[in-house]
N, C-alpha and C. Protein backbone atom coordinates (compact mmCIF):
# COMPACT_ATOMS: atom_id res chain seq x y z
N MET A 1 29.91 36.58 -65.54
CA MET A 1 30.12 36.97 -64.45
C MET A 1 30.52 35.69 -63.57
N GLU A 2 31.76 35.77 -62.91
CA GLU A 2 32.40 34.68 -62.32
C GLU A 2 31.78 34.68 -60.87
N ASP A 3 31.54 33.63 -60.25
CA ASP A 3 31.06 33.59 -58.81
C ASP A 3 32.49 33.99 -57.89
N LYS A 4 32.05 34.90 -56.88
CA LYS A 4 33.09 35.14 -56.13
C LYS A 4 32.95 34.47 -54.87
N THR A 5 34.06 33.71 -54.43
CA THR A 5 34.01 33.08 -52.98
C THR A 5 34.98 33.33 -52.06
N ILE A 6 34.78 33.28 -50.96
CA ILE A 6 36.03 33.43 -49.97
C ILE A 6 35.97 32.28 -48.98
N PRO A 7 36.93 31.79 -48.56
CA PRO A 7 37.25 30.71 -47.69
C PRO A 7 36.65 31.19 -46.35
N VAL A 8 35.79 30.17 -45.82
CA VAL A 8 35.41 30.47 -44.34
C VAL A 8 35.71 29.13 -43.57
N ALA A 9 36.43 29.43 -42.56
CA ALA A 9 36.71 28.20 -41.81
C ALA A 9 35.35 27.98 -40.80
N LEU A 10 35.04 26.75 -41.04
CA LEU A 10 33.71 26.25 -40.06
C LEU A 10 34.06 24.96 -39.34
N ARG A 11 33.69 25.18 -38.03
CA ARG A 11 33.72 24.13 -37.01
C ARG A 11 32.30 23.53 -36.93
N ARG A 12 32.54 22.14 -37.21
CA ARG A 12 31.13 21.32 -36.90
C ARG A 12 31.04 20.92 -35.51
N LEU A 13 30.06 21.48 -34.68
CA LEU A 13 29.72 21.11 -33.51
C LEU A 13 28.89 19.71 -33.45
N ASP A 14 28.06 19.63 -34.46
CA ASP A 14 27.42 18.59 -34.43
C ASP A 14 27.66 17.77 -35.98
N PRO A 15 28.42 16.78 -36.01
CA PRO A 15 28.72 16.22 -37.30
C PRO A 15 27.83 15.54 -38.06
N ASP A 16 26.56 15.30 -37.45
CA ASP A 16 25.62 14.56 -38.18
C ASP A 16 24.62 15.57 -38.99
N LEU A 17 24.73 17.02 -38.72
CA LEU A 17 24.08 17.95 -39.53
C LEU A 17 24.70 18.38 -40.65
N PRO A 18 23.92 18.71 -41.95
CA PRO A 18 24.60 19.07 -42.95
C PRO A 18 25.39 20.56 -42.92
N LEU A 19 26.35 20.63 -43.83
CA LEU A 19 27.06 22.13 -43.76
C LEU A 19 25.94 23.10 -44.19
N PRO A 20 26.12 24.41 -44.18
CA PRO A 20 25.41 25.22 -44.77
C PRO A 20 25.53 25.15 -46.26
N THR A 21 24.50 25.18 -47.00
CA THR A 21 24.53 25.07 -48.48
C THR A 21 23.66 25.89 -49.10
N TYR A 22 23.96 26.39 -50.53
CA TYR A 22 23.17 27.12 -51.23
C TYR A 22 22.33 26.39 -52.29
N ALA A 23 20.98 26.78 -52.04
CA ALA A 23 20.00 25.85 -52.70
C ALA A 23 20.17 26.04 -54.19
N HIS A 24 20.52 27.18 -54.85
CA HIS A 24 20.62 27.32 -56.29
C HIS A 24 21.82 28.08 -56.59
N PRO A 25 22.50 27.83 -57.87
CA PRO A 25 23.58 28.74 -58.23
C PRO A 25 23.22 30.32 -58.26
N GLY A 26 23.97 31.09 -57.67
CA GLY A 26 23.66 32.49 -57.67
C GLY A 26 22.98 32.82 -56.45
N ASP A 27 22.53 31.97 -55.47
CA ASP A 27 21.82 32.40 -54.22
C ASP A 27 22.85 33.06 -53.32
N ALA A 28 22.22 33.98 -52.71
CA ALA A 28 23.01 34.81 -51.73
C ALA A 28 23.23 34.31 -50.42
N GLY A 29 22.12 33.40 -50.08
CA GLY A 29 22.07 33.09 -48.52
C GLY A 29 22.28 31.46 -48.74
N ALA A 30 23.13 30.81 -47.69
CA ALA A 30 23.43 29.45 -47.51
C ALA A 30 22.47 29.00 -46.31
N ASP A 31 21.66 28.06 -46.47
CA ASP A 31 20.75 27.49 -45.48
C ASP A 31 21.48 27.21 -44.40
N LEU A 32 20.83 27.28 -43.13
CA LEU A 32 21.29 26.96 -41.79
C LEU A 32 20.13 26.12 -41.35
N VAL A 33 20.50 25.05 -40.66
CA VAL A 33 19.48 24.04 -40.18
C VAL A 33 19.49 24.02 -38.47
N ALA A 34 18.27 23.45 -38.19
CA ALA A 34 18.29 23.46 -36.60
C ALA A 34 19.13 22.33 -36.06
N ALA A 35 19.57 22.44 -35.18
CA ALA A 35 20.47 21.31 -34.35
C ALA A 35 19.44 20.55 -33.37
N GLU A 36 18.43 21.13 -33.11
CA GLU A 36 17.39 20.43 -32.15
C GLU A 36 16.15 20.67 -32.44
N ASP A 37 15.22 19.77 -31.96
CA ASP A 37 13.82 20.00 -31.89
C ASP A 37 13.37 21.18 -30.94
N VAL A 38 12.38 22.03 -31.69
CA VAL A 38 11.92 23.30 -30.87
C VAL A 38 10.47 23.41 -31.13
N GLU A 39 9.56 23.61 -30.08
CA GLU A 39 8.24 23.82 -30.35
C GLU A 39 8.04 25.29 -29.74
N LEU A 40 7.69 26.09 -30.83
CA LEU A 40 7.27 27.63 -30.40
C LEU A 40 5.94 27.85 -30.11
N PRO A 41 5.59 28.06 -28.88
CA PRO A 41 4.00 28.26 -28.83
C PRO A 41 3.64 29.65 -29.77
N PRO A 42 2.36 30.04 -29.81
CA PRO A 42 1.98 31.12 -30.30
C PRO A 42 2.68 32.38 -29.58
N GLY A 43 3.23 33.28 -30.55
CA GLY A 43 4.14 34.35 -29.79
C GLY A 43 5.42 34.13 -29.15
N GLY A 44 5.76 32.75 -29.22
CA GLY A 44 6.94 32.52 -28.57
C GLY A 44 8.20 32.52 -29.28
N ARG A 45 9.27 32.58 -28.74
CA ARG A 45 10.50 32.77 -29.45
C ARG A 45 11.58 31.85 -28.55
N ALA A 46 12.62 31.49 -29.28
CA ALA A 46 13.70 30.66 -28.79
C ALA A 46 15.02 30.86 -29.52
N LEU A 47 16.08 30.62 -29.01
CA LEU A 47 17.39 30.86 -29.58
C LEU A 47 17.64 29.26 -30.05
N VAL A 48 17.66 29.01 -31.37
CA VAL A 48 17.85 27.78 -31.84
C VAL A 48 19.21 27.39 -32.33
N ARG A 49 20.04 26.41 -31.92
CA ARG A 49 21.49 26.14 -32.09
C ARG A 49 21.46 25.56 -33.59
N THR A 50 22.44 25.86 -34.27
CA THR A 50 22.65 25.32 -35.71
C THR A 50 23.69 24.30 -35.72
N GLY A 51 24.53 24.09 -34.69
CA GLY A 51 25.52 22.94 -34.74
C GLY A 51 26.90 23.46 -35.42
N ILE A 52 27.05 24.63 -35.81
CA ILE A 52 28.18 25.13 -36.67
C ILE A 52 28.72 26.47 -35.84
N ALA A 53 29.91 26.69 -36.01
CA ALA A 53 30.84 27.97 -35.61
C ALA A 53 31.54 28.24 -36.94
N ILE A 54 31.81 29.54 -37.07
CA ILE A 54 32.54 30.05 -38.08
C ILE A 54 33.67 30.86 -37.77
N ALA A 55 34.62 30.99 -38.73
CA ALA A 55 35.60 32.14 -38.58
C ALA A 55 35.56 32.99 -39.93
N LEU A 56 34.85 34.10 -39.75
CA LEU A 56 34.86 34.98 -41.05
C LEU A 56 36.09 35.94 -40.95
N PRO A 57 36.68 35.95 -42.30
CA PRO A 57 37.96 36.80 -42.38
C PRO A 57 37.52 38.18 -42.08
N PRO A 58 38.55 38.99 -41.57
CA PRO A 58 38.31 40.31 -41.10
C PRO A 58 37.81 41.41 -42.33
N GLY A 59 36.93 41.94 -42.00
CA GLY A 59 36.27 42.97 -43.05
C GLY A 59 35.18 42.09 -43.71
N TYR A 60 34.64 41.00 -43.03
CA TYR A 60 33.30 40.37 -43.37
C TYR A 60 32.55 40.23 -42.31
N VAL A 61 31.18 40.17 -42.50
CA VAL A 61 30.17 39.92 -41.63
C VAL A 61 29.24 38.84 -42.08
N GLY A 62 28.60 37.96 -41.31
CA GLY A 62 27.52 36.92 -41.71
C GLY A 62 26.23 37.49 -41.02
N LEU A 63 25.44 37.63 -42.12
CA LEU A 63 24.01 38.18 -41.63
C LEU A 63 22.96 36.95 -41.71
N VAL A 64 22.46 36.78 -40.59
CA VAL A 64 21.49 35.61 -40.60
C VAL A 64 19.88 36.31 -40.84
N HIS A 65 19.38 35.83 -41.92
CA HIS A 65 18.15 36.41 -42.54
C HIS A 65 17.00 35.04 -42.45
N PRO A 66 15.78 35.59 -42.40
CA PRO A 66 14.59 34.70 -42.20
C PRO A 66 14.67 33.92 -43.64
N ARG A 67 14.01 32.79 -43.55
CA ARG A 67 13.58 32.06 -44.87
C ARG A 67 11.97 32.62 -45.00
N SER A 68 11.81 32.70 -46.33
CA SER A 68 10.60 33.19 -46.66
C SER A 68 9.70 32.08 -46.60
N GLY A 69 9.83 30.97 -46.88
CA GLY A 69 8.92 29.74 -46.72
C GLY A 69 8.49 29.30 -45.39
N LEU A 70 9.41 29.63 -44.43
CA LEU A 70 9.13 29.30 -42.91
C LEU A 70 8.29 30.37 -42.60
N ALA A 71 8.40 31.64 -42.96
CA ALA A 71 7.45 32.91 -42.62
C ALA A 71 6.02 32.64 -43.18
N THR A 72 5.94 32.13 -44.41
CA THR A 72 4.66 32.16 -45.12
C THR A 72 4.04 30.95 -44.50
N ARG A 73 4.35 29.77 -44.30
CA ARG A 73 3.73 28.72 -44.15
C ARG A 73 3.40 28.49 -42.56
N LEU A 74 4.51 28.87 -41.75
CA LEU A 74 4.34 28.83 -40.34
C LEU A 74 4.28 30.08 -39.42
N GLY A 75 4.55 31.15 -40.20
CA GLY A 75 4.58 32.54 -39.40
C GLY A 75 5.76 32.57 -38.50
N VAL A 76 6.81 31.84 -38.73
CA VAL A 76 8.13 31.87 -37.97
C VAL A 76 9.21 32.80 -38.80
N THR A 77 9.79 33.58 -38.07
CA THR A 77 10.69 34.39 -38.74
C THR A 77 12.01 34.67 -37.67
N VAL A 78 12.93 35.25 -38.21
CA VAL A 78 14.11 35.66 -37.29
C VAL A 78 13.77 36.87 -36.62
N LEU A 79 13.88 36.91 -35.24
CA LEU A 79 13.34 38.13 -34.57
C LEU A 79 14.22 39.31 -34.77
N ASN A 80 15.60 39.16 -34.70
CA ASN A 80 16.20 40.29 -34.82
C ASN A 80 16.96 40.30 -36.19
N ALA A 81 16.03 40.12 -37.32
CA ALA A 81 16.62 40.04 -38.62
C ALA A 81 17.07 41.39 -39.20
N PRO A 82 18.17 41.40 -39.74
CA PRO A 82 19.17 40.16 -39.86
C PRO A 82 20.04 40.23 -38.62
N GLY A 83 20.15 38.87 -38.07
CA GLY A 83 21.11 38.72 -37.02
C GLY A 83 22.60 38.87 -37.44
N THR A 84 23.65 39.45 -36.72
CA THR A 84 24.79 39.69 -37.12
C THR A 84 25.72 38.72 -36.43
N VAL A 85 26.80 38.16 -37.38
CA VAL A 85 27.73 37.35 -36.85
C VAL A 85 28.94 38.05 -37.17
N ASP A 86 29.67 38.77 -36.33
CA ASP A 86 30.86 39.45 -36.47
C ASP A 86 32.08 38.47 -36.85
N SER A 87 33.08 38.93 -37.41
CA SER A 87 34.30 38.29 -38.01
C SER A 87 35.13 37.80 -36.66
N GLY A 88 35.08 38.39 -35.54
CA GLY A 88 35.62 37.83 -34.39
C GLY A 88 34.99 37.02 -33.59
N TYR A 89 33.54 36.82 -33.95
CA TYR A 89 32.70 35.77 -33.16
C TYR A 89 33.12 34.26 -33.54
N ARG A 90 33.54 33.41 -32.26
CA ARG A 90 33.67 32.21 -32.40
C ARG A 90 32.90 30.79 -31.95
N GLY A 91 31.63 31.55 -31.53
CA GLY A 91 30.67 30.63 -30.81
C GLY A 91 29.78 30.14 -32.05
N GLU A 92 29.05 29.18 -31.37
CA GLU A 92 27.96 28.52 -32.20
C GLU A 92 26.96 29.66 -32.80
N ILE A 93 26.72 29.61 -33.93
CA ILE A 93 25.48 30.42 -34.58
C ILE A 93 24.31 30.03 -34.04
N LEU A 94 23.61 30.79 -33.30
CA LEU A 94 22.34 30.77 -32.83
C LEU A 94 21.19 31.55 -33.54
N VAL A 95 19.96 31.04 -33.93
CA VAL A 95 19.11 31.68 -34.60
C VAL A 95 18.07 32.04 -33.68
N ASN A 96 17.57 33.40 -33.42
CA ASN A 96 16.62 33.92 -32.53
C ASN A 96 15.35 33.91 -33.33
N LEU A 97 14.47 32.50 -33.30
CA LEU A 97 13.30 32.50 -33.89
C LEU A 97 12.16 32.98 -33.11
N VAL A 98 11.10 33.40 -33.85
CA VAL A 98 9.86 33.74 -33.16
C VAL A 98 8.53 33.34 -34.01
N ASN A 99 7.56 32.97 -33.47
CA ASN A 99 6.48 32.45 -34.11
C ASN A 99 5.32 33.65 -33.84
N HIS A 100 5.13 34.19 -34.84
CA HIS A 100 4.16 35.40 -35.11
C HIS A 100 2.74 34.85 -35.13
N ASP A 101 2.33 33.62 -35.54
CA ASP A 101 0.98 33.00 -35.39
C ASP A 101 0.43 33.22 -34.05
N ARG A 102 -0.75 33.78 -34.07
CA ARG A 102 -1.48 33.91 -32.84
C ARG A 102 -2.18 32.72 -32.30
N GLY A 103 -2.44 31.72 -32.88
CA GLY A 103 -3.23 30.52 -32.58
C GLY A 103 -2.51 29.24 -32.65
N THR A 104 -1.37 29.19 -33.46
CA THR A 104 -0.92 27.88 -33.62
C THR A 104 0.59 27.83 -33.19
N ALA A 105 0.86 26.75 -32.44
CA ALA A 105 2.32 26.50 -32.06
C ALA A 105 3.08 26.03 -33.33
N ALA A 106 4.40 26.34 -33.45
CA ALA A 106 5.16 25.77 -34.66
C ALA A 106 6.34 24.92 -34.22
N LYS A 107 6.30 23.84 -34.82
CA LYS A 107 7.30 22.77 -34.46
C LYS A 107 8.28 22.58 -35.29
N ILE A 108 9.57 23.07 -34.94
CA ILE A 108 10.88 22.93 -35.66
C ILE A 108 11.45 21.56 -35.51
N SER A 109 11.84 20.87 -36.47
CA SER A 109 12.57 19.69 -36.09
C SER A 109 14.12 19.60 -36.56
N ARG A 110 14.83 19.07 -35.74
CA ARG A 110 16.31 18.79 -35.88
C ARG A 110 16.60 18.65 -37.47
N GLY A 111 17.18 19.43 -38.07
CA GLY A 111 17.60 19.34 -39.37
C GLY A 111 16.87 20.14 -40.46
N ASP A 112 15.66 20.87 -40.03
CA ASP A 112 15.10 21.91 -40.66
C ASP A 112 15.78 23.06 -40.97
N ARG A 113 15.68 23.43 -42.17
CA ARG A 113 16.18 24.71 -42.85
C ARG A 113 15.46 25.84 -42.02
N ILE A 114 16.27 26.70 -41.18
CA ILE A 114 15.55 27.66 -40.36
C ILE A 114 15.99 29.13 -40.54
N ALA A 115 17.14 29.22 -41.27
CA ALA A 115 17.49 30.61 -41.73
C ALA A 115 18.47 30.58 -42.85
N GLN A 116 18.89 31.81 -43.21
CA GLN A 116 19.99 31.84 -44.32
C GLN A 116 20.99 32.51 -43.93
N LEU A 117 22.26 32.41 -44.20
CA LEU A 117 23.51 33.01 -43.87
C LEU A 117 23.95 33.83 -45.15
N VAL A 118 24.06 35.20 -44.91
CA VAL A 118 24.64 36.05 -46.23
C VAL A 118 25.88 36.35 -45.63
N VAL A 119 26.89 36.15 -46.45
CA VAL A 119 28.19 36.50 -46.00
C VAL A 119 28.49 37.88 -46.86
N GLN A 120 29.00 38.92 -46.30
CA GLN A 120 29.15 40.24 -46.98
C GLN A 120 30.28 40.84 -46.56
N GLN A 121 30.93 41.76 -47.30
CA GLN A 121 32.28 42.73 -47.02
C GLN A 121 31.72 43.88 -46.49
N VAL A 122 32.42 44.19 -45.42
CA VAL A 122 32.00 45.35 -44.72
C VAL A 122 33.02 46.50 -44.75
N GLU A 123 32.57 47.76 -44.67
CA GLU A 123 33.58 48.88 -44.37
C GLU A 123 33.18 49.36 -42.89
N ARG A 124 34.18 49.83 -42.07
CA ARG A 124 33.84 50.33 -40.96
C ARG A 124 33.82 51.93 -41.08
N ALA A 125 33.17 52.49 -40.18
CA ALA A 125 32.88 54.06 -40.35
C ALA A 125 33.83 54.46 -39.46
N HIS A 126 34.00 55.67 -39.78
CA HIS A 126 34.82 56.50 -38.66
C HIS A 126 33.98 57.86 -38.40
N PHE A 127 33.26 57.80 -37.16
CA PHE A 127 32.22 58.85 -36.91
C PHE A 127 33.05 60.12 -36.34
N HIS A 128 32.61 61.02 -36.87
CA HIS A 128 33.24 62.43 -36.49
C HIS A 128 32.00 63.56 -36.14
N VAL A 129 32.10 64.24 -35.06
CA VAL A 129 30.90 65.11 -34.74
C VAL A 129 31.11 66.36 -35.57
N VAL A 130 29.93 66.85 -36.05
CA VAL A 130 30.01 68.10 -36.72
C VAL A 130 28.70 69.04 -36.24
N ASP A 131 28.81 70.21 -36.35
CA ASP A 131 27.44 71.19 -35.63
C ASP A 131 26.43 70.95 -36.68
N GLN A 132 26.47 70.80 -37.90
CA GLN A 132 25.43 70.71 -38.78
C GLN A 132 25.78 69.55 -39.93
N LEU A 133 24.57 68.90 -40.35
CA LEU A 133 24.87 68.00 -41.50
C LEU A 133 24.72 68.61 -42.76
N PRO A 134 25.22 68.29 -43.85
CA PRO A 134 25.01 68.90 -45.12
C PRO A 134 23.58 68.50 -45.42
N PRO A 135 22.87 69.44 -46.33
CA PRO A 135 21.58 69.19 -46.64
C PRO A 135 21.54 68.15 -47.80
N SER A 136 20.19 67.66 -47.85
CA SER A 136 20.01 66.49 -48.89
C SER A 136 18.58 66.85 -49.36
N GLY A 137 18.39 66.20 -50.41
CA GLY A 137 17.04 66.15 -51.08
C GLY A 137 15.83 65.77 -50.25
N ARG A 138 16.32 64.82 -49.28
CA ARG A 138 15.40 63.80 -48.40
C ARG A 138 15.18 64.72 -47.27
N GLY A 139 16.08 65.26 -46.63
CA GLY A 139 16.20 66.00 -45.43
C GLY A 139 15.83 65.09 -44.42
N VAL A 140 14.93 65.48 -43.54
CA VAL A 140 14.41 64.69 -42.19
C VAL A 140 13.20 63.71 -42.46
N GLY A 141 12.87 63.60 -43.78
CA GLY A 141 11.63 62.88 -44.10
C GLY A 141 11.96 61.40 -43.85
N GLY A 142 11.11 60.65 -43.18
CA GLY A 142 11.24 59.30 -42.85
C GLY A 142 9.87 58.81 -42.23
N HIS A 143 9.77 57.53 -42.16
CA HIS A 143 8.64 56.94 -41.25
C HIS A 143 7.39 57.23 -42.07
N GLY A 144 7.39 56.82 -43.42
CA GLY A 144 6.14 56.84 -44.11
C GLY A 144 6.04 58.21 -44.93
N SER A 145 7.04 59.16 -44.70
CA SER A 145 6.80 60.48 -45.10
C SER A 145 6.61 60.57 -46.64
N THR A 146 6.83 59.58 -47.28
CA THR A 146 6.56 59.57 -48.90
C THR A 146 5.32 59.07 -49.22
N GLY A 147 4.69 58.57 -48.20
CA GLY A 147 3.18 58.02 -48.55
C GLY A 147 3.26 56.51 -49.26
N GLY A 148 2.23 56.31 -49.88
CA GLY A 148 2.24 55.12 -50.68
C GLY A 148 1.45 53.82 -49.89
N HIS A 149 0.93 54.11 -48.75
CA HIS A 149 0.33 53.19 -47.83
C HIS A 149 -1.26 53.56 -47.61
N ALA A 150 -2.05 52.83 -48.48
CA ALA A 150 -3.41 53.26 -48.27
C ALA A 150 -4.02 53.26 -46.95
N GLY A 151 -3.49 52.32 -46.24
CA GLY A 151 -3.85 52.18 -44.55
C GLY A 151 -3.55 53.36 -43.76
N LEU A 152 -2.79 54.29 -44.33
CA LEU A 152 -2.43 55.48 -43.55
C LEU A 152 -3.23 56.74 -43.95
N VAL A 153 -4.12 56.61 -44.97
CA VAL A 153 -4.81 57.68 -45.45
C VAL A 153 -5.83 57.96 -44.25
N GLY A 154 -6.20 59.26 -44.21
CA GLY A 154 -7.24 59.70 -43.20
C GLY A 154 -6.52 60.00 -41.77
N ASP A 155 -7.34 59.82 -40.70
CA ASP A 155 -6.87 60.37 -39.39
C ASP A 155 -5.65 59.46 -39.05
N ARG A 156 -4.59 60.27 -38.70
CA ARG A 156 -3.30 59.68 -38.38
C ARG A 156 -2.95 59.88 -36.66
N SER A 157 -3.91 60.15 -35.97
CA SER A 157 -3.75 60.40 -34.69
C SER A 157 -4.12 59.06 -33.84
N GLY A 158 -4.67 58.00 -34.50
CA GLY A 158 -5.04 56.76 -33.89
C GLY A 158 -3.95 56.02 -33.33
N SER A 159 -4.39 54.87 -32.97
CA SER A 159 -3.41 53.72 -32.27
C SER A 159 -2.24 53.53 -33.49
N ARG A 160 -2.54 53.47 -34.67
CA ARG A 160 -1.38 53.21 -35.61
C ARG A 160 -0.35 53.97 -35.42
N ARG A 161 -0.14 55.25 -34.99
CA ARG A 161 0.92 55.90 -34.86
C ARG A 161 1.17 56.47 -33.42
N GLY A 162 0.18 56.05 -32.56
CA GLY A 162 0.24 56.52 -31.24
C GLY A 162 -0.56 57.59 -30.81
N ALA A 163 -1.64 57.38 -30.22
CA ALA A 163 -2.51 58.54 -29.81
C ALA A 163 -1.92 59.49 -28.82
N GLY A 164 -2.11 60.90 -29.10
CA GLY A 164 -1.46 61.89 -28.26
C GLY A 164 0.00 62.24 -28.74
N ARG A 165 0.32 61.61 -29.54
CA ARG A 165 1.91 62.09 -29.95
C ARG A 165 1.80 63.17 -30.98
N ALA A 166 2.56 64.09 -30.83
CA ALA A 166 2.89 65.10 -32.00
C ALA A 166 3.11 64.75 -33.41
N GLU A 167 2.46 64.81 -34.40
CA GLU A 167 3.11 64.55 -35.76
C GLU A 167 3.68 65.71 -36.30
N PRO A 168 4.97 65.32 -36.66
CA PRO A 168 5.80 66.28 -37.40
C PRO A 168 5.19 66.75 -38.83
N ASP A 169 5.54 68.05 -39.11
CA ASP A 169 5.07 68.64 -40.38
C ASP A 169 6.18 68.00 -41.41
N TRP A 170 5.67 67.25 -42.36
CA TRP A 170 6.42 66.73 -43.23
C TRP A 170 6.76 67.74 -44.35
N SER A 171 6.06 68.93 -44.43
CA SER A 171 6.50 69.72 -45.49
C SER A 171 7.91 69.99 -45.37
N ARG A 172 8.76 70.13 -46.30
CA ARG A 172 10.01 70.56 -46.19
C ARG A 172 10.70 71.68 -47.08
N THR A 173 11.43 72.53 -46.59
CA THR A 173 12.18 73.41 -47.48
C THR A 173 13.66 73.46 -47.05
N ASN A 174 14.14 73.14 -48.26
CA ASN A 174 15.74 72.87 -47.99
C ASN A 174 16.26 71.99 -47.07
N GLY A 175 15.50 70.70 -47.14
CA GLY A 175 15.64 69.63 -46.20
C GLY A 175 15.41 69.95 -44.89
N GLU A 176 14.62 70.74 -44.16
CA GLU A 176 14.50 70.95 -42.98
C GLU A 176 13.15 71.04 -42.64
N VAL A 177 12.57 70.50 -41.60
CA VAL A 177 11.13 70.28 -40.97
C VAL A 177 10.83 71.72 -40.58
N GLN A 178 9.55 72.13 -41.03
CA GLN A 178 8.97 73.46 -40.93
C GLN A 178 8.22 73.54 -39.43
């Protein structure tokens, strides 16, 4: 299988920083680095500059994903994951980082790898209004309706789902809630 690549114009806003790079052959995401030092207090967030701007071809999108190592080691992730870089956007790519650690500040240094950029081809939808959606095997089941989470066994009226909110009846006939 051959590697498919597309040309992406890139403007270096900070020539001392490395270009986005793929760590391994076959990787989907190219690493983005911080263009500045940032300290994220516990629960804090910041828009972190990357020092690059890109011009994606029409029909493509850049998706800014978290780096798993940053989340594992520091509790830092991309708040709006994945962030969206539209093909018409020409500004600097900013990464919205959040520190989920409740007790320790996270220090991001200039040049640290902070996120991954995945470039994907996209199709645009043409939305049209209908009176009724066609049936499906899934119907309206969602938000844990298939189970598989031991922590949800038992009383589901507590704070996990919001006390006082009505729970839907997940039993379905012909894809509709009863």
